Amino acid sequence: MSTYLMPTPATVPTAPERTAYLVASGDLRESANVAGWPTQVQLEQYLADALTEQGWTVQRAHPVDPGTGHGFISSQRMGLEVFAGIPRTAPLIVAEAIWQYSHHVLAGLRTHEGPILTVANFAGQWPGLVGLLGLNAGLTKMGKDYSTIWTVDGTDAWFRDGVAIWLRTGTIEHDASHVRDLPELPASAERDLGVALAEQLLHEKAIIGVFDEGCMGMYNGIIDDEILNPIGIYKERLSQSALWAEMNRVPEEEAAAVGSWLTEAGMTFRTGTDPDTELTEEQLTWQYKMYVAALRISDDFGLDAVGIQYQQGLKDLSPASDLAEGILNNVARPPVTSRDGSRVLYEGAPLPHFNEVDEGAAIDALVTNRVWTAMGLDPATTLHDVRWGQEWEDQFVWVYEISGSVPPSHFADGYAGAEGWRQGNVFFPAGGATINGVSKPGELVWSRVYLVAGELHVDIGRASVVELPEEETQRRKDATNPEWPIAHVVHHGVDRDQFMARHKANHVQIAYADGAESADRALVAKAALFERLGLAVHLCGEVAV
């Protein structure tokens, strides 16, 4: 007789009829989970009401933990344990009202056999929409079928009808009439430029430096070498511990020189003395050191772009990376020399930084930098969170925000329009300054590189940054994160729900042009470059191609 320790066969639960299971992926930072829990409770009530209306019941797959005071899945291990108790064929709802770490639930979702619905509340206070888009992008990358929907307060017929359709059919189809594949581009200088830049990239190749991969559970932000290398892009895998070590080697006087340059350029900082709640000079000094260290390590490895993860690891050691990120993305920035003082590093040019080591954004930032530089446009580019938005004077105006990596040239007054605020201590316990400000009115090209079934795709379109009254700007900042930079964005020919349904990432890449005609030309060149690299290019909305 065998003495092997055989595992006990799993008991597969049976789903009750007309019952949908609900899970909620949360943050790794317990402070965020606790603070955002009341908003999550409200969202789940919207869902319960919508299902009750159809004669269905919502069954939470994991209870509220009395020890933590919230009901979020807060780790991948917890996610695996929760999914082990969910009937595999049951209708499943993933409800998100705050930022979430997708890897907490992706393992369970990958093997779930029932219909999946991802849901967020359409609100600015917590980045539930951002978390939803990141999760959707992860599901898209892994080739997992899902439906998605969102609501302001749970009462709109569009939301209720969508939930009813999903309960009946297991799917929701959204309007994608604004999307078309890139047609054959007519001969033009812009098309030729894009093709030539692509050929250069394929021949000479480029290196993106990744300071630790997989920021904040963003599975969608990781692109394998087998996919990157054929388009001429290679990774230099770097450790944030090396960045921290290099920061500690930066002399105080060099850090002080960075600070002096910024203040002389007109940037101001809201400083205080309490490091737990206020921005301090010591925090700024460490941020200046990070800027110097990032440039020196990038020079060591010959990087063409760089990304710093920051969350999770560095958040427990160092003030935020955001100040350094935004400065790196700007043409005008404090000079940094090689260690021996003989060379100014990346002189007269930005070093594109892809925030949160989002490698789709890395491809986009690198391409944008080369196209805009070749066309004589300001190559300062950045990504934003697709945060939230509302109607304003008969048009939908999005709130684009990111925690700080906005280049100052995106503000009307440059550095004089930039102000450093302390990052909120819920997400940033070690503090550090943002680059806070309001993006200037102007014409944009927006885009997003993402993965579908192992292939690179890019959505690209046109948008305008509009100017809103000061009081409306402040209202929108107060409804989100007032310490972060904001852009008031109107998409051309893409409404709110079309964009939400189509966008396969929590981030969107933007760059300014010198006017509408200039932006149209830049879009053609960028699309031609992507096409030559072999990406599937999709035009979104009103695009002059």
Protein backbone atom coordinates (compact mmCIF):
# COMPACT_ATOMS: atom_id res chain seq x y z
CA MET A 1 0.00 0.00 0.00
CA SER A 2 1.35 3.45 -0.94
CA THR A 3 2.42 5.79 1.83
CA TYR A 4 2.52 8.82 -0.43
CA LEU A 5 0.78 11.92 0.85
CA MET A 6 -1.88 12.37 -1.83
CA PRO A 7 -3.61 15.75 -2.02
CA THR A 8 -7.28 15.79 -1.20
CA PRO A 9 -9.30 16.28 -4.39
CA ALA A 10 -10.75 19.75 -4.61
CA THR A 11 -14.46 20.07 -4.04
CA VAL A 12 -15.86 22.13 -6.89
CA PRO A 13 -18.70 24.33 -5.61
CA THR A 14 -21.93 24.61 -7.55
CA ALA A 15 -23.27 28.03 -8.46
CA PRO A 16 -26.81 28.84 -7.31
CA GLU A 17 -29.17 29.81 -10.10
CA ARG A 18 -29.47 33.49 -11.05
CA THR A 19 -26.46 34.35 -8.89
CA ALA A 20 -23.40 36.30 -9.97
CA TYR A 21 -20.24 36.16 -7.90
CA LEU A 22 -18.36 39.38 -7.16
CA VAL A 23 -14.68 39.99 -6.47
CA ALA A 24 -12.85 43.25 -5.81
CA SER A 25 -9.15 43.53 -6.51
CA GLY A 26 -7.44 46.05 -4.28
CA ASP A 27 -4.15 47.75 -3.60
CA LEU A 28 -1.04 46.34 -1.97
CA ARG A 29 -0.95 49.49 0.14
CA GLU A 30 -3.37 48.90 3.01
CA SER A 31 -3.73 52.63 3.60
CA ALA A 32 -5.32 52.94 0.14
CA ASN A 33 -7.61 49.96 0.67
CA VAL A 34 -8.93 51.30 3.95
CA ALA A 35 -9.40 54.85 2.67
CA GLY A 36 -11.15 53.73 -0.52
CA TRP A 37 -13.43 51.12 1.02
CA PRO A 38 -16.53 53.38 1.47
CA THR A 39 -16.43 54.20 -2.26
CA GLN A 40 -16.22 50.48 -3.10
CA VAL A 41 -19.23 49.74 -0.88
CA GLN A 42 -21.24 52.31 -2.85
CA LEU A 43 -20.26 50.77 -6.20
CA GLU A 44 -21.22 47.30 -5.02
CA GLN A 45 -24.62 48.63 -3.97
CA TYR A 46 -25.14 49.99 -7.50
CA LEU A 47 -24.45 46.50 -8.82
CA ALA A 48 -26.68 44.78 -6.26
CA ASP A 49 -29.56 47.09 -7.18
CA ALA A 50 -29.07 46.47 -10.92
CA LEU A 51 -29.04 42.69 -10.45
CA THR A 52 -31.99 42.71 -8.06
CA GLU A 53 -33.96 44.55 -10.73
CA GLN A 54 -33.39 41.54 -13.00
CA GLY A 55 -34.27 38.97 -10.34
CA TRP A 56 -30.59 38.10 -9.73
CA THR A 57 -28.44 38.05 -6.60
CA VAL A 58 -24.86 39.20 -6.05
CA GLN A 59 -22.76 36.87 -3.91
CA ARG A 60 -19.51 38.31 -2.63
CA ALA A 61 -16.76 35.71 -3.07
CA HIS A 62 -14.75 37.07 -0.15
CA PRO A 63 -16.10 38.72 3.01
CA VAL A 64 -15.05 41.98 4.59
CA ASP A 65 -12.07 41.32 6.86
CA PRO A 66 -12.85 42.70 10.35
CA GLY A 67 -9.13 42.96 10.99
CA THR A 68 -8.39 45.27 8.05
CA GLY A 69 -11.80 46.92 7.82
CA HIS A 70 -12.14 46.37 4.06
CA GLY A 71 -13.19 43.71 1.57
CA PHE A 72 -10.51 43.96 -1.10
CA ILE A 73 -8.32 41.15 -2.40
CA SER A 74 -4.96 42.51 -1.30
CA SER A 75 -2.46 39.96 -2.61
CA GLN A 76 -2.04 37.37 -5.34
CA ARG A 77 -2.09 34.58 -2.75
CA MET A 78 -5.39 35.82 -1.38
CA GLY A 79 -6.74 35.98 -4.93
CA LEU A 80 -5.85 32.33 -5.57
CA GLU A 81 -7.59 31.29 -2.36
CA VAL A 82 -10.71 33.30 -3.21
CA PHE A 83 -11.00 31.91 -6.74
CA ALA A 84 -10.65 28.34 -5.44
CA GLY A 85 -14.08 28.82 -3.86
CA ILE A 86 -15.82 30.30 -6.91
CA PRO A 87 -17.77 27.95 -9.21
CA ARG A 88 -15.79 27.95 -12.46
CA THR A 89 -18.80 28.48 -14.72
CA ALA A 90 -20.55 31.10 -12.59
CA PRO A 91 -21.13 34.61 -13.95
CA LEU A 92 -18.39 36.71 -12.36
CA ILE A 93 -18.22 40.46 -11.73
CA VAL A 94 -14.97 42.29 -10.95
CA ALA A 95 -15.94 45.59 -9.31
CA GLU A 96 -13.32 48.34 -9.08
CA ALA A 97 -13.69 51.70 -7.33
CA ILE A 98 -10.01 52.27 -6.47
CA TRP A 99 -6.61 51.58 -8.04
CA GLN A 100 -6.08 47.82 -8.10
CA TYR A 101 -3.17 45.45 -8.64
CA SER A 102 -4.32 43.29 -11.55
CA HIS A 103 -2.13 40.32 -10.66
CA HIS A 104 -4.22 39.83 -7.52
CA VAL A 105 -7.02 38.41 -9.70
CA LEU A 106 -5.60 37.64 -13.16
CA ALA A 107 -4.55 34.11 -12.22
CA GLY A 108 -8.10 33.28 -11.19
CA LEU A 109 -9.64 35.07 -14.15
CA ARG A 110 -7.35 33.23 -16.59
CA THR A 111 -8.91 29.87 -15.72
CA HIS A 112 -12.47 31.02 -15.00
CA GLU A 113 -14.92 29.50 -17.47
CA GLY A 114 -18.00 31.63 -16.88
CA PRO A 115 -18.77 35.08 -18.31
CA ILE A 116 -16.72 37.92 -16.82
CA LEU A 117 -17.88 41.52 -16.34
CA THR A 118 -15.52 44.29 -15.18
CA VAL A 119 -17.23 47.32 -13.65
CA ALA A 120 -16.15 50.72 -12.30
CA ASN A 121 -17.87 53.78 -11.01
CA PHE A 122 -17.31 56.81 -13.22
CA ALA A 123 -15.97 59.12 -10.54
CA GLY A 124 -12.87 61.18 -9.89
CA GLN A 125 -12.27 60.80 -6.18
CA TRP A 126 -10.59 57.39 -6.44
CA PRO A 127 -8.85 56.00 -9.55
CA GLY A 128 -11.30 53.16 -10.09
CA LEU A 129 -11.51 53.94 -13.80
CA VAL A 130 -7.73 53.79 -14.04
CA GLY A 131 -7.73 50.42 -12.29
CA LEU A 132 -10.51 49.13 -14.54
CA LEU A 133 -8.62 50.04 -17.71
CA GLY A 134 -5.44 48.42 -16.41
CA LEU A 135 -7.34 45.22 -15.60
CA ASN A 136 -9.08 45.24 -19.00
CA ALA A 137 -5.70 45.65 -20.71
CA GLY A 138 -4.37 42.65 -18.79
CA LEU A 139 -7.33 40.51 -19.82
CA THR A 140 -6.86 41.66 -23.42
CA LYS A 141 -3.17 40.78 -23.31
CA MET A 142 -3.88 37.26 -22.02
CA GLY A 143 -6.62 36.75 -24.62
CA LYS A 144 -9.38 36.31 -22.06
CA ASP A 145 -12.92 37.23 -23.12
CA TYR A 146 -14.66 39.76 -20.90
CA SER A 147 -17.26 42.49 -20.96
CA THR A 148 -16.98 45.87 -19.29
CA ILE A 149 -19.22 48.72 -18.16
CA TRP A 150 -19.20 51.80 -15.87
CA THR A 151 -21.66 54.14 -14.19
CA VAL A 152 -21.77 57.48 -12.41
CA ASP A 153 -24.39 56.61 -9.81
CA GLY A 154 -25.98 53.32 -10.86
CA THR A 155 -29.26 54.88 -12.00
CA ASP A 156 -28.60 55.46 -15.72
CA ALA A 157 -30.50 53.24 -18.15
CA TRP A 158 -27.34 52.61 -20.18
CA PHE A 159 -25.70 50.91 -17.21
CA ARG A 160 -28.81 49.04 -16.07
CA ASP A 161 -29.61 47.84 -19.58
CA GLY A 162 -26.00 46.78 -20.10
CA VAL A 163 -26.01 44.69 -16.93
CA ALA A 164 -29.33 43.11 -17.96
CA ILE A 165 -27.92 42.19 -21.37
CA TRP A 166 -24.83 40.65 -19.76
CA LEU A 167 -26.96 38.58 -17.38
CA ARG A 168 -29.01 37.34 -20.31
CA THR A 169 -26.27 36.75 -22.90
CA GLY A 170 -22.95 36.76 -21.05
CA THR A 171 -21.56 39.65 -23.11
CA ILE A 172 -21.89 43.40 -23.75
CA GLU A 173 -21.04 44.86 -27.14
CA HIS A 174 -19.94 48.50 -27.22
CA ASP A 175 -19.96 50.94 -30.12
CA ALA A 176 -16.62 50.85 -31.95
CA SER A 177 -17.70 52.75 -35.05
CA HIS A 178 -15.06 55.40 -34.36
CA VAL A 179 -12.22 52.93 -35.09
CA ARG A 180 -10.79 52.06 -38.49
CA ASP A 181 -7.63 50.30 -39.54
CA LEU A 182 -4.92 52.46 -41.07
CA PRO A 183 -5.53 52.70 -44.83
CA GLU A 184 -2.74 52.78 -47.37
CA LEU A 185 -1.05 56.10 -46.76
CA PRO A 186 -0.70 58.36 -49.80
CA ALA A 187 2.76 59.56 -50.72
CA SER A 188 3.88 62.44 -48.52
CA ALA A 189 6.96 63.77 -46.78
CA GLU A 190 5.47 62.67 -43.46
CA ARG A 191 4.93 59.09 -44.63
CA ASP A 192 8.47 58.96 -45.95
CA LEU A 193 9.82 60.36 -42.69
CA GLY A 194 7.99 57.75 -40.61
CA VAL A 195 9.24 54.90 -42.79
CA ALA A 196 12.81 56.22 -42.73
CA LEU A 197 12.78 56.56 -38.93
CA ALA A 198 11.44 53.01 -38.64
CA GLU A 199 14.20 51.71 -40.89
CA GLN A 200 16.75 53.52 -38.76
CA LEU A 201 15.34 51.97 -35.58
CA LEU A 202 15.32 48.49 -37.10
CA HIS A 203 18.94 48.86 -38.25
CA GLU A 204 20.54 50.72 -35.36
CA LYS A 205 18.22 49.43 -32.62
CA ALA A 206 17.43 51.09 -29.29
CA ILE A 207 17.67 50.22 -25.61
CA ILE A 208 15.05 50.97 -22.98
CA GLY A 209 16.20 50.81 -19.39
CA VAL A 210 13.76 49.15 -17.01
CA PHE A 211 14.35 49.83 -13.32
CA ASP A 212 12.46 46.72 -12.09
CA GLU A 213 9.60 45.36 -14.14
CA GLY A 214 5.91 45.04 -13.39
CA CYS A 215 4.98 48.19 -11.46
CA MET A 216 1.85 48.00 -9.28
CA GLY A 217 0.61 44.73 -10.73
CA MET A 218 0.49 46.08 -14.29
CA TYR A 219 0.78 42.83 -16.22
CA ASN A 220 -0.33 44.81 -19.29
CA GLY A 221 2.78 47.01 -18.95
CA ILE A 222 5.21 44.10 -19.54
CA ILE A 223 6.13 43.29 -23.14
CA ASP A 224 8.32 40.25 -23.74
CA ASP A 225 11.64 40.51 -25.57
CA GLU A 226 10.35 38.21 -28.32
CA ILE A 227 7.82 40.91 -29.19
CA LEU A 228 10.02 43.97 -28.58
CA ASN A 229 13.18 42.80 -30.32
CA PRO A 230 11.67 42.43 -33.83
CA ILE A 231 10.80 46.15 -33.78
CA GLY A 232 14.38 47.07 -32.90
CA ILE A 233 13.90 47.66 -29.17
CA TYR A 234 15.86 45.84 -26.48
CA LYS A 235 15.67 45.98 -22.69
CA GLU A 236 18.40 46.75 -20.21
CA ARG A 237 17.09 45.23 -17.02
CA LEU A 238 18.20 47.37 -14.11
CA SER A 239 17.60 47.20 -10.38
CA GLN A 240 16.14 50.00 -8.33
CA SER A 241 18.68 49.09 -5.67
CA ALA A 242 21.37 50.22 -8.14
CA LEU A 243 19.49 53.50 -8.59
CA TRP A 244 19.33 53.96 -4.82
CA ALA A 245 23.03 53.21 -4.51
CA GLU A 246 23.86 55.74 -7.22
CA MET A 247 21.65 58.32 -5.52
CA ASN A 248 23.72 57.90 -2.37
CA ARG A 249 26.88 58.68 -4.37
CA VAL A 250 25.57 62.02 -5.66
CA PRO A 251 27.26 64.86 -3.74
CA GLU A 252 25.08 67.33 -1.86
CA GLU A 253 26.37 70.23 -3.94
CA GLU A 254 25.27 68.55 -7.18
CA ALA A 255 21.79 68.00 -5.79
CA ALA A 256 21.68 71.62 -4.64
CA ALA A 257 22.65 72.77 -8.14
CA VAL A 258 19.62 70.96 -9.58
CA GLY A 259 17.35 72.70 -7.07
CA SER A 260 18.91 76.10 -7.79
CA TRP A 261 18.44 75.62 -11.54
CA LEU A 262 14.74 74.80 -11.07
CA THR A 263 14.03 77.77 -8.82
CA GLU A 264 15.91 80.12 -11.14
CA ALA A 265 13.79 78.76 -14.01
CA GLY A 266 10.72 79.81 -12.04
CA MET A 267 9.51 76.59 -10.41
CA THR A 268 8.19 76.95 -6.86
CA PHE A 269 7.71 74.41 -4.08
CA ARG A 270 5.20 74.24 -1.23
CA THR A 271 7.49 73.19 1.58
CA GLY A 272 7.08 72.70 5.31
CA THR A 273 8.78 70.97 8.22
CA ASP A 274 6.64 67.89 8.94
CA PRO A 275 7.90 65.11 6.62
CA ASP A 276 4.80 62.99 7.23
CA THR A 277 2.42 65.53 5.73
CA GLU A 278 4.53 68.27 4.12
CA LEU A 279 7.15 68.57 1.42
CA THR A 280 10.56 69.10 2.98
CA GLU A 281 13.90 70.25 1.65
CA GLU A 282 15.38 66.85 2.50
CA GLN A 283 12.77 65.12 0.32
CA LEU A 284 13.61 67.47 -2.55
CA THR A 285 17.32 66.80 -2.15
CA TRP A 286 16.74 63.08 -2.61
CA GLN A 287 14.61 63.75 -5.68
CA TYR A 288 17.38 65.86 -7.18
CA LYS A 289 19.82 63.03 -6.50
CA MET A 290 17.50 60.59 -8.24
CA TYR A 291 17.44 62.82 -11.32
CA VAL A 292 21.25 62.91 -11.44
CA ALA A 293 21.56 59.18 -10.75
CA ALA A 294 19.02 58.24 -13.44
CA LEU A 295 20.94 60.21 -16.06
CA ARG A 296 24.30 58.74 -15.09
CA ILE A 297 23.08 55.15 -15.12
CA SER A 298 21.29 55.78 -18.43
CA ASP A 299 24.55 57.10 -19.85
CA ASP A 300 26.43 54.08 -18.50
CA PHE A 301 24.20 51.73 -20.50
CA GLY A 302 23.57 53.95 -23.52
CA LEU A 303 19.83 54.06 -22.93
CA ASP A 304 17.42 55.66 -25.38
CA ALA A 305 14.60 55.78 -22.81
CA VAL A 306 14.27 54.86 -19.16
CA GLY A 307 11.52 53.80 -16.76
CA ILE A 308 11.55 53.85 -12.96
CA GLN A 309 9.10 51.55 -11.19
CA TYR A 310 9.16 53.31 -7.78
CA GLN A 311 6.02 51.55 -6.48
CA GLN A 312 6.43 49.23 -4.63
CA GLY A 313 10.09 49.03 -3.65
CA LEU A 314 11.46 52.56 -3.66
CA LYS A 315 8.41 54.03 -1.93
CA ASP A 316 9.73 52.65 1.34
CA LEU A 317 13.19 54.17 0.83
CA SER A 318 12.94 57.33 -1.16
CA PRO A 319 10.72 60.28 -1.96
CA ALA A 320 8.73 59.97 -5.19
CA SER A 321 10.34 59.55 -8.59
CA ASP A 322 7.83 61.88 -10.26
CA LEU A 323 9.84 65.10 -10.11
CA ALA A 324 12.81 63.42 -11.78
CA GLU A 325 10.55 61.82 -14.41
CA GLY A 326 8.97 65.06 -15.51
CA ILE A 327 12.29 66.89 -15.75
CA LEU A 328 13.81 64.03 -17.78
CA ASN A 329 11.00 64.36 -20.32
CA ASN A 330 11.70 68.07 -20.87
CA VAL A 331 14.15 69.60 -23.35
CA ALA A 332 15.16 72.39 -20.96
CA ARG A 333 16.34 70.83 -17.72
CA PRO A 334 19.14 71.08 -15.18
CA PRO A 335 22.46 70.01 -16.74
CA VAL A 336 24.08 66.89 -15.35
CA THR A 337 27.65 65.93 -16.19
CA SER A 338 29.36 62.58 -16.37
CA ARG A 339 31.01 61.55 -13.14
CA ASP A 340 34.33 63.02 -14.23
CA GLY A 341 32.67 66.29 -15.24
CA SER A 342 33.84 66.05 -18.85
CA ARG A 343 30.46 65.74 -20.60
CA VAL A 344 26.92 67.06 -20.20
CA LEU A 345 24.64 64.03 -20.40
CA TYR A 346 21.93 64.01 -23.08
CA GLU A 347 22.62 67.68 -23.65
CA GLY A 348 19.85 69.73 -25.26
CA ALA A 349 17.42 66.83 -25.40
CA PRO A 350 14.99 64.98 -23.20
CA LEU A 351 15.69 61.47 -22.04
CA PRO A 352 12.23 59.93 -22.54
CA HIS A 353 10.94 58.46 -19.31
CA PHE A 354 8.08 55.96 -19.33
CA ASN A 355 6.28 56.29 -16.05
CA GLU A 356 5.65 53.20 -13.93
CA VAL A 357 7.87 51.17 -16.33
CA ASP A 358 4.91 50.81 -18.69
CA GLU A 359 6.65 49.24 -21.69
CA GLY A 360 3.81 50.03 -24.09
CA ALA A 361 4.38 53.66 -23.15
CA ALA A 362 8.12 53.11 -23.62
CA ILE A 363 7.61 52.16 -27.28
CA ASP A 364 5.30 55.11 -27.73
CA ALA A 365 7.58 57.62 -26.01
CA LEU A 366 10.60 56.49 -28.02
CA VAL A 367 8.71 56.74 -31.33
CA THR A 368 7.19 60.10 -30.41
CA ASN A 369 10.57 61.50 -29.43
CA ARG A 370 12.10 60.57 -32.79
CA VAL A 371 9.20 61.77 -34.94
CA TRP A 372 8.72 65.05 -33.11
CA THR A 373 12.47 65.76 -33.05
CA ALA A 374 12.77 65.10 -36.78
CA MET A 375 9.83 67.40 -37.49
CA GLY A 376 11.25 70.24 -35.40
CA LEU A 377 8.47 69.98 -32.78
CA ASP A 378 8.90 70.00 -29.01
CA PRO A 379 9.62 66.31 -28.31
CA ALA A 380 8.49 66.51 -24.68
CA THR A 381 6.02 63.66 -24.26
CA THR A 382 4.35 62.05 -21.32
CA LEU A 383 1.74 59.54 -20.36
CA HIS A 384 -1.36 60.34 -18.34
CA ASP A 385 -3.85 58.28 -16.42
CA VAL A 386 -7.25 58.28 -18.08
CA ARG A 387 -8.69 59.48 -14.81
CA TRP A 388 -12.25 60.79 -15.23
CA GLY A 389 -14.25 63.49 -17.00
CA GLN A 390 -17.51 65.41 -17.31
CA GLU A 391 -19.48 67.46 -19.78
CA TRP A 392 -18.54 71.12 -20.12
CA GLU A 393 -20.44 73.39 -22.50
CA ASP A 394 -21.77 70.56 -24.69
CA GLN A 395 -18.52 68.63 -24.99
CA PHE A 396 -17.03 65.88 -22.88
CA VAL A 397 -13.81 67.08 -21.28
CA TRP A 398 -11.56 64.37 -19.87
CA VAL A 399 -9.41 64.83 -16.80
CA TYR A 400 -5.99 63.48 -17.69
CA GLU A 401 -3.76 63.28 -14.62
CA ILE A 402 -0.57 61.59 -13.62
CA SER A 403 1.25 61.79 -10.34
CA GLY A 404 3.99 64.06 -11.60
CA SER A 405 5.75 63.04 -14.78
CA VAL A 406 4.53 65.96 -16.89
CA PRO A 407 7.28 67.92 -18.65
CA PRO A 408 7.07 71.62 -17.72
CA SER A 409 6.92 72.64 -21.40
CA HIS A 410 3.37 71.28 -21.36
CA PHE A 411 2.43 74.25 -19.16
CA ALA A 412 1.81 77.68 -20.68
CA ASP A 413 4.55 79.29 -18.58
CA GLY A 414 6.93 76.34 -18.50
CA TYR A 415 8.75 76.02 -15.19
CA ALA A 416 7.13 79.25 -14.01
CA GLY A 417 3.80 77.45 -14.29
CA ALA A 418 5.04 74.45 -12.31
CA GLU A 419 4.66 74.06 -8.58
CA GLY A 420 5.92 71.20 -6.42
CA TRP A 421 3.37 69.81 -3.98
CA ARG A 422 3.94 66.95 -1.57
CA GLN A 423 2.65 63.63 -2.80
CA GLY A 424 -0.24 62.34 -0.70
CA ASN A 425 0.85 60.08 2.14
CA VAL A 426 -1.81 57.44 1.39
CA PHE A 427 0.21 56.37 -1.67
CA PHE A 428 3.58 58.07 -0.99
CA PRO A 429 4.68 57.66 2.63
CA ALA A 430 8.15 59.12 1.92
CA GLY A 431 6.71 62.21 0.22
CA GLY A 432 8.44 64.11 -2.52
CA ALA A 433 7.27 66.78 -4.93
CA THR A 434 5.03 66.52 -7.93
CA ILE A 435 5.27 68.80 -10.95
CA ASN A 436 1.86 70.36 -10.48
CA GLY A 437 0.24 72.63 -13.02
CA VAL A 438 -2.41 72.99 -15.72
CA SER A 439 -1.58 71.89 -19.24
CA LYS A 440 -1.74 74.63 -21.85
CA PRO A 441 -4.42 74.74 -24.56
CA GLY A 442 -3.23 73.19 -27.78
CA GLU A 443 -3.40 70.33 -30.27
CA LEU A 444 -2.36 66.81 -29.34
CA VAL A 445 -1.67 63.46 -30.87
CA TRP A 446 -2.66 60.72 -28.43
CA SER A 447 -1.89 57.05 -28.74
CA ARG A 448 -1.59 53.77 -26.92
CA VAL A 449 0.51 50.70 -27.70
CA TYR A 450 -0.91 47.47 -26.32
CA LEU A 451 -0.85 43.69 -26.75
CA VAL A 452 -3.52 41.46 -28.28
CA ALA A 453 -2.82 37.73 -28.61
CA GLY A 454 0.93 38.27 -28.62
CA GLU A 455 0.88 41.03 -31.24
CA LEU A 456 1.49 44.75 -30.85
CA HIS A 457 -1.35 47.11 -31.67
CA VAL A 458 -1.59 50.88 -31.46
CA ASP A 459 -4.64 53.11 -31.27
CA ILE A 460 -3.94 56.67 -32.36
CA GLY A 461 -6.06 59.80 -32.61
CA ARG A 462 -6.29 63.52 -32.27
CA ALA A 463 -7.33 65.62 -29.30
CA SER A 464 -7.24 69.16 -28.01
CA VAL A 465 -6.34 70.49 -24.60
CA VAL A 466 -8.89 73.16 -23.80
CA GLU A 467 -8.88 75.96 -21.28
CA LEU A 468 -11.52 75.88 -18.57
CA PRO A 469 -12.36 78.65 -16.11
CA GLU A 470 -10.09 78.68 -13.09
CA GLU A 471 -12.89 77.69 -10.74
CA GLU A 472 -13.83 74.68 -12.91
CA THR A 473 -10.21 73.59 -13.08
CA GLN A 474 -9.97 73.78 -9.31
CA ARG A 475 -13.21 71.86 -8.89
CA ARG A 476 -11.88 69.06 -11.08
CA LYS A 477 -8.55 68.98 -9.27
CA ASP A 478 -10.30 68.88 -5.91
CA ALA A 479 -12.49 66.03 -7.19
CA THR A 480 -9.39 63.98 -8.02
CA ASN A 481 -5.87 64.75 -6.73
CA PRO A 482 -5.19 68.49 -6.42
CA GLU A 483 -1.45 67.86 -6.00
CA TRP A 484 -1.17 66.33 -9.49
CA PRO A 485 -0.88 68.07 -12.88
CA ILE A 486 -4.04 68.15 -14.97
CA ALA A 487 -4.90 68.34 -18.67
CA HIS A 488 -8.41 69.16 -19.91
CA VAL A 489 -8.68 66.94 -22.98
CA VAL A 490 -11.34 66.76 -25.69
CA HIS A 491 -11.06 63.83 -28.09
CA HIS A 492 -11.88 64.42 -31.74
CA GLY A 493 -14.79 62.23 -32.77
CA VAL A 494 -14.64 59.81 -29.84
CA ASP A 495 -17.26 60.00 -27.10
CA ARG A 496 -16.82 58.98 -23.48
CA ASP A 497 -18.12 55.45 -23.71
CA GLN A 498 -16.44 54.68 -27.03
CA PHE A 499 -13.08 55.65 -25.56
CA MET A 500 -13.64 53.71 -22.33
CA ALA A 501 -14.71 50.58 -24.17
CA ARG A 502 -11.81 50.69 -26.60
CA HIS A 503 -8.86 51.86 -24.51
CA LYS A 504 -6.65 48.93 -23.54
CA ALA A 505 -4.53 50.53 -20.84
CA ASN A 506 -4.67 52.73 -17.78
CA HIS A 507 -2.31 55.17 -19.58
CA VAL A 508 -2.42 57.27 -22.72
CA GLN A 509 0.62 58.89 -24.37
CA ILE A 510 0.34 62.51 -25.53
CA ALA A 511 2.51 65.07 -27.31
CA TYR A 512 1.78 68.64 -28.40
CA ALA A 513 2.12 69.94 -31.94
CA ASP A 514 2.25 73.53 -33.20
CA GLY A 515 -1.38 73.58 -34.31
CA ALA A 516 -4.01 71.40 -35.94
CA GLU A 517 -2.24 71.02 -39.29
CA SER A 518 1.06 70.26 -37.55
CA ALA A 519 -0.62 67.62 -35.38
CA ASP A 520 -2.22 65.99 -38.43
CA ARG A 521 1.16 65.75 -40.13
CA ALA A 522 2.85 64.36 -37.03
CA LEU A 523 0.12 61.73 -36.68
CA VAL A 524 0.72 60.55 -40.26
CA ALA A 525 4.47 60.23 -39.66
CA LYS A 526 3.94 58.39 -36.40
CA ALA A 527 1.37 56.02 -37.94
CA ALA A 528 3.72 55.31 -40.86
CA LEU A 529 6.55 54.50 -38.45
CA PHE A 530 4.38 52.12 -36.43
CA GLU A 531 3.11 50.43 -39.58
CA ARG A 532 6.64 49.89 -40.91
CA LEU A 533 7.59 48.31 -37.58
CA GLY A 534 4.77 45.84 -38.06
CA LEU A 535 2.24 47.09 -35.51
CA ALA A 536 -1.47 46.90 -36.26
CA VAL A 537 -2.42 50.59 -36.46
CA HIS A 538 -5.97 51.70 -35.66
CA LEU A 539 -7.19 55.25 -36.27
CA CYS A 540 -9.66 56.46 -33.65
CA GLY A 541 -12.17 59.24 -34.25
CA GLU A 542 -11.71 62.18 -36.58
CA VAL A 543 -8.25 61.74 -38.09
CA ALA A 544 -7.04 63.50 -41.25
CA VAL A 545 -5.63 60.38 -42.93
